[in-house]
Amino acid sequence: MAGEPIDGQILLLTAAKASVGPQRLPDLVDLVQADLEPRFDDYARQYEVAFEDADAAAFFVPDDHWETIGDRLGFDRRETDAVRRAHHEQLTRRGRRDDRLSEFETALEIRDCVLIGRPA
């Protein structure tokens, strides 16, 4: 999928920790991306950008934001939590790569994050 914000290795790691099968998680992440991609500009206006590059952007959102996304998409609690974890793992991986891990971890103590692939 174009604009996919979550690496395959992150999906494998997250699926191993989550109560969602490894074959299901990529589908859930794709559904979230399809839902969020048209909202990209809204997120850019409403939320703080954690990072952005040519492919995707990460936004800090309120703590209950994933409940709203999960409810909108008809996910159960485990599915919502698995996708949320994948987004967290991707952001922390980016933080390690960019030497911003401490900054991201501190922000995630009080907020959540959403990664959105840029619209094609």
Protein backbone atom coordinates (compact mmCIF):
# COMPACT_ATOMS: atom_id res chain seq x y z
CA MET A 1 0.00 0.00 0.00
CA ALA A 2 1.35 3.42 -0.92
CA GLY A 3 2.01 5.63 2.05
CA GLU A 4 2.09 2.73 4.53
CA PRO A 5 3.55 4.20 7.73
CA ILE A 6 4.36 0.99 9.65
CA ASP A 7 7.36 -1.21 8.79
CA GLY A 8 6.82 -4.94 8.34
CA GLN A 9 9.31 -5.73 11.11
CA ILE A 10 7.30 -3.55 13.51
CA LEU A 11 4.15 -5.47 12.58
CA LEU A 12 5.85 -8.78 13.37
CA LEU A 13 7.16 -7.49 16.70
CA THR A 14 3.81 -6.00 17.67
CA ALA A 15 1.82 -9.07 16.64
CA ALA A 16 4.07 -11.21 18.85
CA LYS A 17 3.15 -9.01 21.85
CA ALA A 18 -0.50 -8.39 21.01
CA SER A 19 -3.55 -10.60 21.31
CA VAL A 20 -4.14 -10.27 17.57
CA GLY A 21 -2.78 -12.80 15.10
CA PRO A 22 0.14 -11.82 12.87
CA GLN A 23 -1.99 -12.39 9.78
CA ARG A 24 -4.68 -9.96 11.07
CA LEU A 25 -2.52 -7.02 12.18
CA PRO A 26 -1.40 -5.89 8.70
CA ASP A 27 -5.05 -5.80 7.60
CA LEU A 28 -5.99 -3.69 10.64
CA VAL A 29 -3.11 -1.29 9.98
CA ASP A 30 -4.21 -0.98 6.34
CA LEU A 31 -7.79 -0.20 7.43
CA VAL A 32 -6.52 2.52 9.77
CA GLN A 33 -4.32 3.99 7.04
CA ALA A 34 -7.26 4.02 4.60
CA ASP A 35 -9.37 5.80 7.23
CA LEU A 36 -6.72 8.34 8.25
CA GLU A 37 -5.13 9.19 4.90
CA PRO A 38 -8.02 11.45 3.78
CA ARG A 39 -7.79 13.17 7.19
CA PHE A 40 -4.06 13.92 6.84
CA ASP A 41 -4.51 17.67 6.39
CA ASP A 42 -6.91 17.83 9.34
CA TYR A 43 -4.36 16.11 11.57
CA ALA A 44 -1.64 18.46 10.35
CA ARG A 45 -3.79 21.44 11.36
CA GLN A 46 -5.05 20.06 14.69
CA TYR A 47 -2.17 18.14 16.24
CA GLU A 48 1.50 18.56 17.02
CA VAL A 49 3.77 16.90 14.49
CA ALA A 50 6.25 14.50 16.09
CA PHE A 51 8.09 13.95 12.82
CA GLU A 52 7.43 14.08 9.13
CA ASP A 53 9.21 12.98 6.02
CA ALA A 54 8.35 12.42 2.37
CA ASP A 55 6.39 9.22 3.16
CA ALA A 56 4.56 9.81 6.44
CA ALA A 57 4.00 11.99 9.47
CA ALA A 58 3.45 11.21 13.12
CA PHE A 59 1.14 13.30 15.26
CA PHE A 60 0.74 13.52 19.02
CA VAL A 61 -2.95 13.07 19.82
CA PRO A 62 -5.04 12.91 23.03
CA ASP A 63 -4.82 9.72 25.08
CA ASP A 64 -8.32 8.51 24.14
CA HIS A 65 -7.84 9.09 20.41
CA TRP A 66 -7.32 5.41 19.54
CA GLU A 67 -10.66 4.52 21.17
CA THR A 68 -12.32 6.94 18.75
CA ILE A 69 -10.52 5.42 15.75
CA GLY A 70 -11.25 1.86 16.87
CA ASP A 71 -14.93 2.62 17.47
CA ARG A 72 -15.25 4.30 14.07
CA LEU A 73 -13.73 1.25 12.35
CA GLY A 74 -15.59 -1.35 14.41
CA PHE A 75 -12.45 -2.78 16.06
CA ASP A 76 -12.64 -4.59 19.36
CA ARG A 77 -10.41 -3.52 22.25
CA ARG A 78 -7.62 -5.98 21.37
CA GLU A 79 -7.54 -4.90 17.73
CA THR A 80 -7.46 -1.23 18.65
CA ASP A 81 -4.68 -1.83 21.17
CA ALA A 82 -2.62 -3.84 18.66
CA VAL A 83 -2.74 -1.07 16.05
CA ARG A 84 -2.00 1.57 18.68
CA ARG A 85 1.03 -0.45 19.79
CA ALA A 86 2.26 -0.71 16.19
CA HIS A 87 2.10 3.07 15.86
CA HIS A 88 3.94 3.51 19.19
CA GLU A 89 6.64 1.03 18.18
CA GLN A 90 7.15 2.77 14.84
CA LEU A 91 7.48 6.16 16.52
CA THR A 92 9.96 4.88 19.10
CA ARG A 93 11.99 3.20 16.35
CA ARG A 94 12.10 6.54 14.55
CA GLY A 95 13.11 8.21 17.81
CA ARG A 96 16.05 5.83 18.24
CA ARG A 97 17.13 6.42 14.65
CA ASP A 98 16.89 10.22 14.94
CA ASP A 99 18.32 10.40 18.49
CA ARG A 100 14.95 11.66 19.77
CA LEU A 101 13.83 8.59 21.75
CA SER A 102 13.79 10.33 25.12
CA GLU A 103 11.73 13.20 23.68
CA PHE A 104 9.18 10.82 22.14
CA GLU A 105 8.94 8.62 25.25
CA THR A 106 8.31 11.67 27.43
CA ALA A 107 5.58 12.91 25.09
CA LEU A 108 3.97 9.45 25.01
CA GLU A 109 3.63 9.48 28.79
CA ILE A 110 0.85 12.06 28.48
CA ARG A 111 -0.31 11.67 24.88
CA ASP A 112 -0.70 9.08 22.18
CA CYS A 113 0.55 9.04 18.61
CA VAL A 114 -0.86 8.37 15.17
CA LEU A 115 1.25 7.81 12.07
CA ILE A 116 -0.29 8.55 8.71
CA GLY A 117 1.22 7.77 5.35
CA ARG A 118 1.10 10.77 3.05
CA PRO A 119 -1.69 10.73 0.51
CA ALA A 120 -0.57 9.40 -2.86
